[in-house]
Amino acid sequence: MTETPDQTPDQIVDETAIALPDRLAADPSSPFHDPELLARGVGVRFKGVEKTNVEEYCVSEGWIRVPAGNARDRKGNPMTLKLKGPVEVWLREPGEA
C-alpha cells in the first residue's frame, strides 16, 4: 500500500479489504459462481481445519459442500455432502497454495 501525492490515506484502498461474498460456488451453472474471485483464490476453514476441496460455502448459514469421493450424478457433476459448522473464508495470497 503506497501513498501518492494526489491521494489521502482515506482514499487508498487496501486490496485485502475486499469483502468476500456470503455464499460462493465453484460450479459455473450456479448463480453464486464468481470466476474472477475463484481465479484469485479463496481459502476456506471449516471447524478450524483448512479445506481445499470445497465446492460451495455459505458463511451465514454455516455450511460447506464437499464432493463425496469420486461419485458423479447422471449429468457428470460430483455428488456432494453438505457439512454444517463454523465457516471462515479469506483471500489467498498470490504465492499461497
PDB file of N, CA and C in Angstrom:
ATOM      1  N   MET A   1       0.841  -1.155   0.000  1.00  0.00           N
ATOM      2  CA  MET A   1       0.000   0.000   0.000  1.00  0.00           C
ATOM      3  C   MET A   1       0.892   1.225   0.000  1.00  0.00           C
ATOM      4  N   THR A   2       0.868   1.944  -1.066  1.00  0.00           N
ATOM      5  CA  THR A   2       1.713   3.130  -1.161  1.00  0.00           C
ATOM      6  C   THR A   2       0.849   4.358  -1.336  1.00  0.00           C
ATOM      7  N   GLU A   3       1.379   5.455  -0.898  1.00  0.00           N
ATOM      8  CA  GLU A   3       0.676   6.725  -0.994  1.00  0.00           C
ATOM      9  C   GLU A   3       1.267   7.539  -2.134  1.00  0.00           C
ATOM     10  N   THR A   4       0.424   8.124  -2.953  1.00  0.00           N
ATOM     11  CA  THR A   4       0.884   9.042  -3.986  1.00  0.00           C
ATOM     12  C   THR A   4       0.472  10.446  -3.562  1.00  0.00           C
ATOM     13  N   PRO A   5       1.120  11.483  -4.083  1.00  0.00           N
ATOM     14  CA  PRO A   5       0.829  12.851  -3.644  1.00  0.00           C
ATOM     15  C   PRO A   5      -0.628  13.273  -3.809  1.00  0.00           C
ATOM     16  N   ASP A   6      -1.330  12.736  -4.818  1.00  0.00           N
ATOM     17  CA  ASP A   6      -2.706  13.172  -5.041  1.00  0.00           C
ATOM     18  C   ASP A   6      -3.732  12.344  -4.270  1.00  0.00           C
ATOM     19  N   GLN A   7      -3.285  11.414  -3.419  1.00  0.00           N
ATOM     20  CA  GLN A   7      -4.199  10.599  -2.634  1.00  0.00           C
ATOM     21  C   GLN A   7      -3.997  10.855  -1.149  1.00  0.00           C
ATOM     22  N   THR A   8      -5.101  10.909  -0.428  1.00  0.00           N
ATOM     23  CA  THR A   8      -5.007  10.980   1.027  1.00  0.00           C
ATOM     24  C   THR A   8      -5.119   9.561   1.562  1.00  0.00           C
ATOM     25  N   PRO A   9      -4.705   9.306   2.784  1.00  0.00           N
ATOM     26  CA  PRO A   9      -4.810   7.947   3.328  1.00  0.00           C
ATOM     27  C   PRO A   9      -6.233   7.406   3.312  1.00  0.00           C
ATOM     28  N   ASP A  10      -7.242   8.268   3.382  1.00  0.00           N
ATOM     29  CA  ASP A  10      -8.625   7.808   3.357  1.00  0.00           C
ATOM     30  C   ASP A  10      -9.039   7.299   1.980  1.00  0.00           C
ATOM     31  N   GLN A  11      -8.363   7.741   0.927  1.00  0.00           N
ATOM     32  CA  GLN A  11      -8.726   7.351  -0.430  1.00  0.00           C
ATOM     33  C   GLN A  11      -8.004   6.094  -0.891  1.00  0.00           C
ATOM     34  N   ILE A  12      -7.021   5.642  -0.152  1.00  0.00           N
ATOM     35  CA  ILE A  12      -6.264   4.463  -0.547  1.00  0.00           C
ATOM     36  C   ILE A  12      -7.073   3.220  -0.193  1.00  0.00           C
ATOM     37  N   VAL A  13      -7.200   2.326  -1.157  1.00  0.00           N
ATOM     38  CA  VAL A  13      -7.974   1.112  -0.947  1.00  0.00           C
ATOM     39  C   VAL A  13      -7.014  -0.048  -0.735  1.00  0.00           C
ATOM     40  N   ASP A  14      -7.203  -0.759   0.347  1.00  0.00           N
ATOM     41  CA  ASP A  14      -6.392  -1.933   0.643  1.00  0.00           C
ATOM     42  C   ASP A  14      -6.997  -3.124  -0.097  1.00  0.00           C
ATOM     43  N   GLU A  15      -6.189  -3.848  -0.869  1.00  0.00           N
ATOM     44  CA  GLU A  15      -6.700  -4.977  -1.645  1.00  0.00           C
ATOM     45  C   GLU A  15      -7.253  -6.076  -0.758  1.00  0.00           C
ATOM     46  N   THR A  16      -6.712  -6.262   0.430  1.00  0.00           N
ATOM     47  CA  THR A  16      -7.194  -7.321   1.312  1.00  0.00           C
ATOM     48  C   THR A  16      -8.522  -6.958   1.953  1.00  0.00           C
ATOM     49  N   ALA A  17      -8.970  -5.719   1.804  1.00  0.00           N
ATOM     50  CA  ALA A  17     -10.236  -5.298   2.397  1.00  0.00           C
ATOM     51  C   ALA A  17     -11.430  -5.627   1.501  1.00  0.00           C
ATOM     52  N   ILE A  18     -11.222  -6.341   0.412  1.00  0.00           N
ATOM     53  CA  ILE A  18     -12.314  -6.723  -0.473  1.00  0.00           C
ATOM     54  C   ILE A  18     -13.240  -7.663   0.290  1.00  0.00           C
ATOM     55  N   ALA A  19     -14.509  -7.337   0.309  1.00  0.00           N
ATOM     56  CA  ALA A  19     -15.478  -8.158   1.033  1.00  0.00           C
ATOM     57  C   ALA A  19     -15.773  -9.420   0.225  1.00  0.00           C
ATOM     58  N   LEU A  20     -15.617 -10.552   0.861  1.00  0.00           N
ATOM     59  CA  LEU A  20     -15.948 -11.814   0.216  1.00  0.00           C
ATOM     60  C   LEU A  20     -17.449 -12.032   0.303  1.00  0.00           C
ATOM     61  N   PRO A  21     -18.034 -12.681  -0.700  1.00  0.00           N
ATOM     62  CA  PRO A  21     -19.477 -12.917  -0.647  1.00  0.00           C
ATOM     63  C   PRO A  21     -19.827 -13.910   0.455  1.00  0.00           C
ATOM     64  N   ASP A  22     -21.058 -13.815   0.945  1.00  0.00           N
ATOM     65  CA  ASP A  22     -21.536 -14.731   1.971  1.00  0.00           C
ATOM     66  C   ASP A  22     -21.599 -16.152   1.426  1.00  0.00           C
ATOM     67  N   ARG A  23     -21.867 -16.277   0.132  1.00  0.00           N
ATOM     68  CA  ARG A  23     -22.003 -17.595  -0.483  1.00  0.00           C
ATOM     69  C   ARG A  23     -21.244 -17.592  -1.807  1.00  0.00           C
ATOM     70  N   LEU A  24     -20.499 -18.665  -2.066  1.00  0.00           N
ATOM     71  CA  LEU A  24     -19.708 -18.771  -3.289  1.00  0.00           C
ATOM     72  C   LEU A  24     -19.702 -20.224  -3.743  1.00  0.00           C
ATOM     73  N   ALA A  25     -19.816 -20.440  -5.046  1.00  0.00           N
ATOM     74  CA  ALA A  25     -19.845 -21.788  -5.607  1.00  0.00           C
ATOM     75  C   ALA A  25     -18.812 -21.927  -6.717  1.00  0.00           C
ATOM     76  N   ALA A  26     -18.241 -23.117  -6.832  1.00  0.00           N
ATOM     77  CA  ALA A  26     -17.268 -23.406  -7.878  1.00  0.00           C
ATOM     78  C   ALA A  26     -17.950 -23.840  -9.179  1.00  0.00           C
ATOM     79  N   ASP A  27     -19.211 -24.239  -9.110  1.00  0.00           N
ATOM     80  CA  ASP A  27     -19.957 -24.707 -10.275  1.00  0.00           C
ATOM     81  C   ASP A  27     -20.368 -23.520 -11.153  1.00  0.00           C
ATOM     82  N   PRO A  28     -19.932 -23.492 -12.424  1.00  0.00           N
ATOM     83  CA  PRO A  28     -20.260 -22.359 -13.305  1.00  0.00           C
ATOM     84  C   PRO A  28     -21.759 -22.165 -13.550  1.00  0.00           C
ATOM     85  N   SER A  29     -22.571 -23.197 -13.378  1.00  0.00           N
ATOM     86  CA  SER A  29     -24.010 -23.049 -13.606  1.00  0.00           C
ATOM     87  C   SER A  29     -24.741 -22.485 -12.386  1.00  0.00           C
ATOM     88  N   SER A  30     -24.051 -22.300 -11.288  1.00  0.00           N
ATOM     89  CA  SER A  30     -24.658 -21.770 -10.067  1.00  0.00           C
ATOM     90  C   SER A  30     -24.775 -20.245 -10.139  1.00  0.00           C
ATOM     91  N   PRO A  31     -25.841 -19.674  -9.577  1.00  0.00           N
ATOM     92  CA  PRO A  31     -25.939 -18.208  -9.541  1.00  0.00           C
ATOM     93  C   PRO A  31     -24.926 -17.577  -8.578  1.00  0.00           C
ATOM     94  N   PHE A  32     -24.290 -18.384  -7.739  1.00  0.00           N
ATOM     95  CA  PHE A  32     -23.311 -17.885  -6.772  1.00  0.00           C
ATOM     96  C   PHE A  32     -21.872 -18.050  -7.261  1.00  0.00           C
ATOM     97  N   HIS A  33     -21.692 -18.363  -8.544  1.00  0.00           N
ATOM     98  CA  HIS A  33     -20.364 -18.551  -9.125  1.00  0.00           C
ATOM     99  C   HIS A  33     -19.753 -17.193  -9.480  1.00  0.00           C
ATOM    100  N   ASP A  34     -18.496 -16.973  -9.084  1.00  0.00           N
ATOM    101  CA  ASP A  34     -17.773 -15.732  -9.396  1.00  0.00           C
ATOM    102  C   ASP A  34     -16.386 -16.126  -9.905  1.00  0.00           C
ATOM    103  N   PRO A  35     -16.190 -16.224 -11.230  1.00  0.00           N
ATOM    104  CA  PRO A  35     -14.924 -16.727 -11.763  1.00  0.00           C
ATOM    105  C   PRO A  35     -13.713 -15.865 -11.414  1.00  0.00           C
ATOM    106  N   GLU A  36     -13.880 -14.538 -11.347  1.00  0.00           N
ATOM    107  CA  GLU A  36     -12.733 -13.675 -11.028  1.00  0.00           C
ATOM    108  C   GLU A  36     -12.250 -13.908  -9.608  1.00  0.00           C
ATOM    109  N   LEU A  37     -13.187 -14.051  -8.691  1.00  0.00           N
ATOM    110  CA  LEU A  37     -12.834 -14.275  -7.293  1.00  0.00           C
ATOM    111  C   LEU A  37     -12.205 -15.654  -7.110  1.00  0.00           C
ATOM    112  N   LEU A  38     -12.736 -16.657  -7.802  1.00  0.00           N
ATOM    113  CA  LEU A  38     -12.174 -18.007  -7.701  1.00  0.00           C
ATOM    114  C   LEU A  38     -10.781 -18.065  -8.312  1.00  0.00           C
ATOM    115  N   ALA A  39     -10.552 -17.310  -9.388  1.00  0.00           N
ATOM    116  CA  ALA A  39      -9.228 -17.283 -10.012  1.00  0.00           C
ATOM    117  C   ALA A  39      -8.210 -16.642  -9.082  1.00  0.00           C
ATOM    118  N   ARG A  40      -8.645 -15.667  -8.316  1.00  0.00           N
ATOM    119  CA  ARG A  40      -7.740 -15.010  -7.362  1.00  0.00           C
ATOM    120  C   ARG A  40      -7.370 -15.952  -6.225  1.00  0.00           C
ATOM    121  N   GLY A  41      -8.311 -16.788  -5.815  1.00  0.00           N
ATOM    122  CA  GLY A  41      -8.050 -17.765  -4.764  1.00  0.00           C
ATOM    123  C   GLY A  41      -8.764 -17.429  -3.470  1.00  0.00           C
ATOM    124  N   VAL A  42      -9.596 -18.350  -3.018  1.00  0.00           N
ATOM    125  CA  VAL A  42     -10.335 -18.183  -1.769  1.00  0.00           C
ATOM    126  C   VAL A  42     -10.004 -19.364  -0.869  1.00  0.00           C
ATOM    127  N   GLY A  43      -9.595 -19.077   0.345  1.00  0.00           N
ATOM    128  CA  GLY A  43      -9.319 -20.124   1.320  1.00  0.00           C
ATOM    129  C   GLY A  43     -10.539 -20.345   2.194  1.00  0.00           C
ATOM    130  N   VAL A  44     -10.776 -21.611   2.584  1.00  0.00           N
ATOM    131  CA  VAL A  44     -11.925 -21.951   3.423  1.00  0.00           C
ATOM    132  C   VAL A  44     -11.437 -22.772   4.605  1.00  0.00           C
ATOM    133  N   ARG A  45     -11.834 -22.342   5.793  1.00  0.00           N
ATOM    134  CA  ARG A  45     -11.536 -23.098   7.012  1.00  0.00           C
ATOM    135  C   ARG A  45     -12.872 -23.527   7.601  1.00  0.00           C
ATOM    136  N   PHE A  46     -13.030 -24.847   7.798  1.00  0.00           N
ATOM    137  CA  PHE A  46     -14.268 -25.414   8.324  1.00  0.00           C
ATOM    138  C   PHE A  46     -13.960 -26.135   9.624  1.00  0.00           C
ATOM    139  N   LYS A  47     -14.601 -25.718  10.702  1.00  0.00           N
ATOM    140  CA  LYS A  47     -14.370 -26.273  12.045  1.00  0.00           C
ATOM    141  C   LYS A  47     -12.897 -26.223  12.414  1.00  0.00           C
ATOM    142  N   GLY A  48     -12.215 -25.150  12.020  1.00  0.00           N
ATOM    143  CA  GLY A  48     -10.814 -24.952  12.372  1.00  0.00           C
ATOM    144  C   GLY A  48      -9.818 -25.664  11.481  1.00  0.00           C
ATOM    145  N   VAL A  49     -10.278 -26.385  10.454  1.00  0.00           N
ATOM    146  CA  VAL A  49      -9.395 -27.128   9.547  1.00  0.00           C
ATOM    147  C   VAL A  49      -9.528 -26.545   8.146  1.00  0.00           C
ATOM    148  N   GLU A  50      -8.386 -26.230   7.516  1.00  0.00           N
ATOM    149  CA  GLU A  50      -8.420 -25.683   6.162  1.00  0.00           C
ATOM    150  C   GLU A  50      -8.827 -26.777   5.178  1.00  0.00           C
ATOM    151  N   LYS A  51      -9.805 -26.471   4.345  1.00  0.00           N
ATOM    152  CA  LYS A  51     -10.302 -27.411   3.339  1.00  0.00           C
ATOM    153  C   LYS A  51      -9.936 -26.905   1.952  1.00  0.00           C
ATOM    154  N   THR A  52      -9.490 -27.812   1.098  1.00  0.00           N
ATOM    155  CA  THR A  52      -9.116 -27.440  -0.265  1.00  0.00           C
ATOM    156  C   THR A  52     -10.080 -28.011  -1.303  1.00  0.00           C
ATOM    157  N   ASN A  53     -11.050 -28.812  -0.883  1.00  0.00           N
ATOM    158  CA  ASN A  53     -11.953 -29.464  -1.830  1.00  0.00           C
ATOM    159  C   ASN A  53     -13.394 -28.964  -1.710  1.00  0.00           C
ATOM    160  N   VAL A  54     -13.587 -27.720  -1.315  1.00  0.00           N
ATOM    161  CA  VAL A  54     -14.933 -27.175  -1.115  1.00  0.00           C
ATOM    162  C   VAL A  54     -15.538 -26.773  -2.460  1.00  0.00           C
ATOM    163  N   GLU A  55     -16.737 -27.279  -2.738  1.00  0.00           N
ATOM    164  CA  GLU A  55     -17.461 -26.938  -3.969  1.00  0.00           C
ATOM    165  C   GLU A  55     -18.291 -25.672  -3.787  1.00  0.00           C
ATOM    166  N   GLU A  56     -18.813 -25.460  -2.577  1.00  0.00           N
ATOM    167  CA  GLU A  56     -19.666 -24.305  -2.292  1.00  0.00           C
ATOM    168  C   GLU A  56     -19.648 -24.062  -0.792  1.00  0.00           C
ATOM    169  N   TYR A  57     -19.826 -22.795  -0.398  1.00  0.00           N
ATOM    170  CA  TYR A  57     -19.914 -22.493   1.031  1.00  0.00           C
ATOM    171  C   TYR A  57     -20.940 -21.401   1.274  1.00  0.00           C
ATOM    172  N   CYS A  58     -21.434 -21.329   2.514  1.00  0.00           N
ATOM    173  CA  CYS A  58     -22.299 -20.245   2.961  1.00  0.00           C
ATOM    174  C   CYS A  58     -21.895 -19.921   4.394  1.00  0.00           C
ATOM    175  N   VAL A  59     -21.351 -18.730   4.605  1.00  0.00           N
ATOM    176  CA  VAL A  59     -20.853 -18.336   5.918  1.00  0.00           C
ATOM    177  C   VAL A  59     -22.005 -18.093   6.891  1.00  0.00           C
ATOM    178  N   SER A  60     -23.046 -17.366   6.469  1.00  0.00           N
ATOM    179  CA  SER A  60     -24.133 -17.007   7.381  1.00  0.00           C
ATOM    180  C   SER A  60     -24.927 -18.224   7.853  1.00  0.00           C
ATOM    181  N   GLU A  61     -25.104 -19.213   6.980  1.00  0.00           N
ATOM    182  CA  GLU A  61     -25.844 -20.410   7.359  1.00  0.00           C
ATOM    183  C   GLU A  61     -24.935 -21.469   7.971  1.00  0.00           C
ATOM    184  N   GLY A  62     -23.616 -21.314   7.835  1.00  0.00           N
ATOM    185  CA  GLY A  62     -22.661 -22.222   8.457  1.00  0.00           C
ATOM    186  C   GLY A  62     -22.602 -23.606   7.832  1.00  0.00           C
ATOM    187  N   TRP A  63     -22.377 -23.682   6.523  1.00  0.00           N
ATOM    188  CA  TRP A  63     -22.219 -24.976   5.870  1.00  0.00           C
ATOM    189  C   TRP A  63     -21.277 -24.879   4.676  1.00  0.00           C
ATOM    190  N   ILE A  64     -20.752 -26.050   4.290  1.00  0.00           N
ATOM    191  CA  ILE A  64     -19.955 -26.183   3.073  1.00  0.00           C
ATOM    192  C   ILE A  64     -20.442 -27.416   2.327  1.00  0.00           C
ATOM    193  N   ARG A  65     -20.187 -27.451   1.035  1.00  0.00           N
ATOM    194  CA  ARG A  65     -20.459 -28.651   0.227  1.00  0.00           C
ATOM    195  C   ARG A  65     -19.125 -29.186  -0.262  1.00  0.00           C
ATOM    196  N   VAL A  66     -18.902 -30.466  -0.016  1.00  0.00           N
ATOM    197  CA  VAL A  66     -17.674 -31.126  -0.458  1.00  0.00           C
ATOM    198  C   VAL A  66     -18.052 -32.344  -1.289  1.00  0.00           C
ATOM    199  N   PRO A  67     -17.206 -32.738  -2.248  1.00  0.00           N
ATOM    200  CA  PRO A  67     -17.511 -33.918  -3.060  1.00  0.00           C
ATOM    201  C   PRO A  67     -17.486 -35.191  -2.217  1.00  0.00           C
ATOM    202  N   ALA A  68     -18.380 -36.119  -2.561  1.00  0.00           N
ATOM    203  CA  ALA A  68     -18.467 -37.408  -1.870  1.00  0.00           C
ATOM    204  C   ALA A  68     -17.634 -38.425  -2.645  1.00  0.00           C
ATOM    205  N   GLY A  69     -16.332 -38.411  -2.436  1.00  0.00           N
ATOM    206  CA  GLY A  69     -15.436 -39.326  -3.141  1.00  0.00           C
ATOM    207  C   GLY A  69     -15.411 -39.031  -4.626  1.00  0.00           C
ATOM    208  N   ASN A  70     -15.416 -40.093  -5.432  1.00  0.00           N
ATOM    209  CA  ASN A  70     -15.401 -39.923  -6.890  1.00  0.00           C
ATOM    210  C   ASN A  70     -16.783 -40.104  -7.503  1.00  0.00           C
ATOM    211  N   ALA A  71     -17.831 -40.157  -6.674  1.00  0.00           N
ATOM    212  CA  ALA A  71     -19.190 -40.376  -7.160  1.00  0.00           C
ATOM    213  C   ALA A  71     -19.653 -39.196  -8.011  1.00  0.00           C
ATOM    214  N   ARG A  72     -20.356 -39.511  -9.093  1.00  0.00           N
ATOM    215  CA  ARG A  72     -20.890 -38.494 -10.006  1.00  0.00           C
ATOM    216  C   ARG A  72     -22.379 -38.742 -10.205  1.00  0.00           C
ATOM    217  N   ASP A  73     -23.139 -37.673 -10.486  1.00  0.00           N
ATOM    218  CA  ASP A  73     -24.543 -37.846 -10.821  1.00  0.00           C
ATOM    219  C   ASP A  73     -24.657 -38.163 -12.313  1.00  0.00           C
ATOM    220  N   ARG A  74     -25.870 -38.328 -12.796  1.00  0.00           N
ATOM    221  CA  ARG A  74     -26.034 -38.744 -14.199  1.00  0.00           C
ATOM    222  C   ARG A  74     -25.641 -37.666 -15.200  1.00  0.00           C
ATOM    223  N   LYS A  75     -25.453 -36.426 -14.734  1.00  0.00           N
ATOM    224  CA  LYS A  75     -25.004 -35.342 -15.612  1.00  0.00           C
ATOM    225  C   LYS A  75     -23.496 -35.135 -15.528  1.00  0.00           C
ATOM    226  N   GLY A  76     -22.814 -35.938 -14.721  1.00  0.00           N
ATOM    227  CA  GLY A  76     -21.360 -35.834 -14.613  1.00  0.00           C
ATOM    228  C   GLY A  76     -20.865 -34.897 -13.535  1.00  0.00           C
ATOM    229  N   ASN A  77     -21.773 -34.294 -12.781  1.00  0.00           N
ATOM    230  CA  ASN A  77     -21.381 -33.405 -11.688  1.00  0.00           C
ATOM    231  C   ASN A  77     -21.035 -34.223 -10.444  1.00  0.00           C
ATOM    232  N   PRO A  78     -20.114 -33.750  -9.632  1.00  0.00           N
ATOM    233  CA  PRO A  78     -19.768 -34.512  -8.427  1.00  0.00           C
ATOM    234  C   PRO A  78     -20.925 -34.538  -7.432  1.00  0.00           C
ATOM    235  N   MET A  79     -21.139 -35.700  -6.824  1.00  0.00           N
ATOM    236  CA  MET A  79     -22.108 -35.811  -5.731  1.00  0.00           C
ATOM    237  C   MET A  79     -21.481 -35.108  -4.538  1.00  0.00           C
ATOM    238  N   THR A  80     -22.267 -34.334  -3.817  1.00  0.00           N
ATOM    239  CA  THR A  80     -21.709 -33.550  -2.719  1.00  0.00           C
ATOM    240  C   THR A  80     -22.410 -33.848  -1.401  1.00  0.00           C
ATOM    241  N   LEU A  81     -21.680 -33.598  -0.326  1.00  0.00           N
ATOM    242  CA  LEU A  81     -22.211 -33.694   1.027  1.00  0.00           C
ATOM    243  C   LEU A  81     -22.261 -32.291   1.604  1.00  0.00           C
ATOM    244  N   LYS A  82     -23.324 -31.993   2.314  1.00  0.00           N
ATOM    245  CA  LYS A  82     -23.453 -30.684   2.968  1.00  0.00           C
ATOM    246  C   LYS A  82     -23.073 -30.873   4.436  1.00  0.00           C
ATOM    247  N   LEU A  83     -21.977 -30.243   4.837  1.00  0.00           N
ATOM    248  CA  LEU A  83     -21.488 -30.338   6.209  1.00  0.00           C
ATOM    249  C   LEU A  83     -21.776 -29.029   6.926  1.00  0.00           C
ATOM    250  N   LYS A  84     -22.273 -29.124   8.170  1.00  0.00           N
ATOM    251  CA  LYS A  84     -22.634 -27.923   8.923  1.00  0.00           C
ATOM    252  C   LYS A  84     -21.638 -27.676  10.041  1.00  0.00           C
ATOM    253  N   GLY A  85     -21.291 -26.403  10.218  1.00  0.00           N
ATOM    254  CA  GLY A  85     -20.351 -25.995  11.253  1.00  0.00           C
ATOM    255  C   GLY A  85     -19.845 -24.594  10.960  1.00  0.00           C
ATOM    256  N   PRO A  86     -18.955 -24.085  11.820  1.00  0.00           N
ATOM    257  CA  PRO A  86     -18.422 -22.733  11.590  1.00  0.00           C
ATOM    258  C   PRO A  86     -17.534 -22.671  10.347  1.00  0.00           C
ATOM    259  N   VAL A  87     -17.746 -21.645   9.521  1.00  0.00           N
ATOM    260  CA  VAL A  87     -17.014 -21.470   8.264  1.00  0.00           C
ATOM    261  C   VAL A  87     -16.294 -20.126   8.289  1.00  0.00           C
ATOM    262  N   GLU A  88     -15.001 -20.139   7.940  1.00  0.00           N
ATOM    263  CA  GLU A  88     -14.213 -18.914   7.800  1.00  0.00           C
ATOM    264  C   GLU A  88     -13.653 -18.882   6.384  1.00  0.00           C
ATOM    265  N   VAL A  89     -13.690 -17.730   5.736  1.00  0.00           N
ATOM    266  CA  VAL A  89     -13.141 -17.594   4.380  1.00  0.00           C
ATOM    267  C   VAL A  89     -12.208 -16.398   4.316  1.00  0.00           C
ATOM    268  N   TRP A  90     -11.234 -16.466   3.401  1.00  0.00           N
ATOM    269  CA  TRP A  90     -10.279 -15.376   3.201  1.00  0.00           C
ATOM    270  C   TRP A  90      -9.728 -15.454   1.791  1.00  0.00           C
ATOM    271  N   LEU A  91      -9.177 -14.336   1.331  1.00  0.00           N
ATOM    272  CA  LEU A  91      -8.496 -14.315   0.030  1.00  0.00           C
ATOM    273  C   LEU A  91      -7.089 -14.841   0.218  1.00  0.00           C
ATOM    274  N   ARG A  92      -6.685 -15.738  -0.644  1.00  0.00           N
ATOM    275  CA  ARG A  92      -5.333 -16.288  -0.569  1.00  0.00           C
ATOM    276  C   ARG A  92      -4.324 -15.272  -1.091  1.00  0.00           C
ATOM    277  N   GLU A  93      -3.118 -15.355  -0.588  1.00  0.00           N
ATOM    278  CA  GLU A  93      -2.020 -14.530  -1.091  1.00  0.00           C
ATOM    279  C   GLU A  93      -1.589 -15.099  -2.438  1.00  0.00           C
ATOM    280  N   PRO A  94      -1.000 -14.302  -3.331  1.00  0.00           N
ATOM    281  CA  PRO A  94      -0.596 -14.800  -4.649  1.00  0.00           C
ATOM    282  C   PRO A  94       0.329 -16.016  -4.593  1.00  0.00           C
ATOM    283  N   GLY A  95       1.225 -16.112  -3.632  1.00  0.00           N
ATOM    284  CA  GLY A  95       2.148 -17.238  -3.549  1.00  0.00           C
ATOM    285  C   GLY A  95       1.638 -18.403  -2.736  1.00  0.00           C
ATOM    286  N   GLU A  96       0.483 -18.248  -2.091  1.00  0.00           N
ATOM    287  CA  GLU A  96      -0.061 -19.283  -1.221  1.00  0.00           C
ATOM    288  C   GLU A  96      -0.690 -20.389  -2.054  1.00  0.00           C
ATOM    289  N   ALA A  97      -0.488 -21.640  -1.656  1.00  0.00           N
ATOM    290  CA  ALA A  97      -1.029 -22.772  -2.419  1.00  0.00           C
ATOM    291  C   ALA A  97      -2.467 -23.041  -2.095  1.00  0.00           C
TER     292      ALA A  97
END
